[in-house]
């Protein structure tokens, strides 16, 4: 008798946990919910929504700031930079206090409108009020060798 009772309990538990509760049962542990089935597999190609199409038409938001630029070269040529690269005053590189190494920035001389793209590979400048130290080559391209320090706009690319 005890065996039949245990078998009945096990069968009832299996039905509740595998099939679910009986509809209309007020003592059911979980409510019955009608769930609409959805496709399991989606296509890898889909059309963009109207919002996505509008957002993709917006111009990218580059980080832009202004400040003072100076340049360095002869005394540091051939020495290691903070990134570990050897400094070459004829390459288009720059030093910045916190931008990650390898960051490309466009620097524009606000006095004459000339621009140059450089890669951050060193730390500095260490003079108060200056925001970026350019290699000699980059400074030549900006036309700032004689003045030494110029106001610039810096765009992170």
Protein backbone atom coordinates (compact mmCIF):
# COMPACT_ATOMS: atom_id res chain seq x y z
CA UNK A 1 0.00 0.00 0.00
CA UNK A 2 2.81 2.40 0.89
CA UNK A 3 4.51 1.64 -2.46
CA UNK A 4 1.39 2.56 -4.45
CA UNK A 5 1.01 5.78 -2.45
CA UNK A 6 4.66 6.77 -3.06
CA UNK A 7 4.28 6.00 -6.77
CA UNK A 8 1.17 8.19 -6.94
CA UNK A 9 3.01 11.07 -5.22
CA UNK A 10 5.98 10.77 -7.60
CA UNK A 11 3.67 10.66 -10.62
CA UNK A 12 1.82 13.76 -9.40
CA UNK A 13 5.08 15.64 -8.80
CA UNK A 14 6.38 14.70 -12.24
CA UNK A 15 3.19 15.99 -13.82
CA UNK A 16 3.34 19.29 -11.94
CA UNK A 17 7.01 19.95 -12.66
CA UNK A 18 7.22 18.63 -16.22
CA UNK A 19 3.77 19.37 -17.62
CA UNK A 20 2.78 22.26 -15.38
CA UNK A 21 -0.11 22.85 -13.03
CA UNK A 22 -3.64 21.89 -13.85
CA UNK A 23 -5.65 24.77 -15.34
CA UNK A 24 -8.06 26.30 -12.86
CA UNK A 25 -6.20 24.95 -9.87
CA UNK A 26 -6.06 27.62 -7.20
CA UNK A 27 -3.28 25.87 -5.30
CA UNK A 28 -0.93 25.62 -8.28
CA UNK A 29 2.60 26.73 -7.50
CA UNK A 30 3.04 28.56 -10.81
CA UNK A 31 0.42 30.42 -12.86
CA UNK A 32 -0.39 29.28 -16.39
CA UNK A 33 0.82 31.80 -18.96
CA UNK A 34 0.06 31.82 -22.66
CA UNK A 35 3.38 32.38 -24.43
CA UNK A 36 3.53 33.13 -28.13
CA UNK A 37 6.27 31.22 -29.81
CA UNK A 38 9.05 33.13 -31.55
CA UNK A 39 11.50 31.93 -34.17
CA UNK A 40 14.57 30.36 -32.67
CA UNK A 41 16.92 31.38 -35.47
CA UNK A 42 17.23 34.91 -36.81
CA UNK A 43 18.75 35.92 -40.12
CA UNK A 44 22.23 37.43 -39.91
CA UNK A 45 21.12 40.19 -42.29
CA UNK A 46 18.41 42.54 -41.21
CA UNK A 47 17.17 45.89 -42.35
CA UNK A 48 18.00 48.92 -40.20
CA UNK A 49 15.13 50.49 -38.31
CA UNK A 50 14.07 54.08 -39.03
CA UNK A 51 15.88 55.25 -35.89
CA UNK A 52 19.09 53.43 -36.84
CA UNK A 53 18.97 54.97 -40.32
CA UNK A 54 18.59 58.47 -38.84
CA UNK A 55 21.40 57.95 -36.31
CA UNK A 56 23.79 56.67 -38.98
CA UNK A 57 23.30 59.94 -40.91
CA UNK A 58 24.48 62.02 -37.95
CA UNK A 59 28.07 63.26 -38.07
CA UNK A 60 30.48 61.48 -35.73
CA UNK A 61 31.16 63.32 -32.49
CA UNK A 62 34.89 63.87 -32.28
CA UNK A 63 36.38 65.14 -29.07
CA UNK A 64 37.78 68.60 -29.73
CA UNK A 65 39.60 70.94 -27.39
CA UNK A 66 41.88 73.95 -27.65
CA UNK A 67 45.10 74.83 -25.92
CA UNK A 68 48.75 75.66 -26.45
CA UNK A 69 51.18 73.53 -28.45
CA UNK A 70 54.95 73.52 -28.23
CA UNK A 71 57.52 71.35 -29.98
CA UNK A 72 60.57 69.31 -29.06
CA UNK A 73 63.22 67.57 -31.07
CA UNK A 74 67.01 67.88 -31.17
CA UNK A 75 67.75 67.15 -27.49
CA UNK A 76 65.45 64.10 -27.45
CA UNK A 77 66.13 62.64 -30.92
CA UNK A 78 67.12 58.97 -30.63
CA UNK A 79 66.06 58.63 -26.99
CA UNK A 80 63.22 56.41 -25.75
CA UNK A 81 59.78 57.92 -25.30
CA UNK A 82 57.40 57.04 -22.47
CA UNK A 83 55.77 54.49 -24.80
CA UNK A 84 59.09 52.73 -25.33
CA UNK A 85 59.48 53.87 -28.94
CA UNK A 86 62.65 55.66 -30.01
CA UNK A 87 61.89 59.35 -30.61
CA UNK A 88 62.44 60.52 -34.17
CA UNK A 89 62.11 64.27 -34.59
CA UNK A 90 61.30 63.74 -38.30
CA UNK A 91 58.21 61.60 -37.59
CA UNK A 92 54.69 62.93 -37.04
CA UNK A 93 54.37 62.21 -33.32
CA UNK A 94 53.43 64.10 -30.18
CA UNK A 95 53.46 63.99 -26.41
CA UNK A 96 50.29 64.40 -24.35
CA UNK A 97 49.76 64.08 -20.61
CA UNK A 98 46.90 61.56 -20.62
CA UNK A 99 45.77 60.48 -24.10
CA UNK A 100 46.55 56.79 -24.67
CA UNK A 101 49.62 55.89 -26.69
CA UNK A 102 48.69 55.28 -30.31
CA UNK A 103 45.86 57.84 -30.30
CA UNK A 104 45.69 59.78 -33.58
CA UNK A 105 44.95 63.48 -33.23
CA UNK A 106 44.59 66.27 -35.75
CA UNK A 107 46.31 69.45 -34.57
CA UNK A 108 45.37 72.77 -36.20
CA UNK A 109 47.40 75.95 -35.72
CA UNK A 110 44.75 78.57 -34.94
CA UNK A 111 47.03 81.41 -36.10
CA UNK A 112 47.41 80.20 -39.70
CA UNK A 113 44.89 77.35 -40.17
CA UNK A 114 47.52 74.70 -41.01
CA UNK A 115 46.83 71.16 -39.76
CA UNK A 116 48.75 67.95 -39.22
CA UNK A 117 47.78 64.46 -38.00
CA UNK A 118 50.07 63.01 -35.33
CA UNK A 119 50.22 59.91 -33.15
CA UNK A 120 50.65 60.18 -29.37
CA UNK A 121 53.75 58.22 -28.33
CA UNK A 122 55.15 60.19 -25.38
CA UNK A 123 54.12 62.00 -22.19
CA UNK A 124 54.30 65.75 -21.70
CA UNK A 125 54.46 68.65 -21.99
CA UNK A 126 55.61 69.40 -18.49
CA UNK A 127 55.32 73.19 -18.78
CA UNK A 128 52.23 74.75 -17.19
CA UNK A 129 49.69 76.00 -19.72
CA UNK A 130 50.82 73.77 -22.58
CA UNK A 131 48.64 70.91 -23.80
CA UNK A 132 50.62 69.06 -26.47
CA UNK A 133 54.30 68.75 -27.45
CA UNK A 134 54.83 68.10 -31.17
CA UNK A 135 57.80 66.57 -32.97
CA UNK A 136 59.96 68.98 -34.98
CA UNK A 137 58.50 67.69 -38.27
CA UNK A 138 54.91 68.27 -37.08
CA UNK A 139 55.87 71.76 -35.84
CA UNK A 140 57.40 72.58 -39.24
CA UNK A 141 54.19 71.50 -40.98
CA UNK A 142 52.19 73.78 -38.67
CA UNK A 143 54.55 76.71 -39.28
CA UNK A 144 55.41 77.15 -35.61
CA UNK A 145 59.18 76.53 -35.44
CA UNK A 146 60.09 80.20 -34.89
CA UNK A 147 57.27 81.08 -32.50
CA UNK A 148 57.74 77.89 -30.46
CA UNK A 149 54.30 77.99 -28.83
CA UNK A 150 50.99 78.54 -30.65
CA UNK A 151 47.29 78.22 -29.88
CA UNK A 152 45.89 75.02 -31.41
CA UNK A 153 42.73 73.00 -31.80
CA UNK A 154 43.18 69.30 -31.06
CA UNK A 155 40.71 66.78 -32.54
CA UNK A 156 40.86 63.17 -31.39
CA UNK A 157 40.34 60.98 -34.46
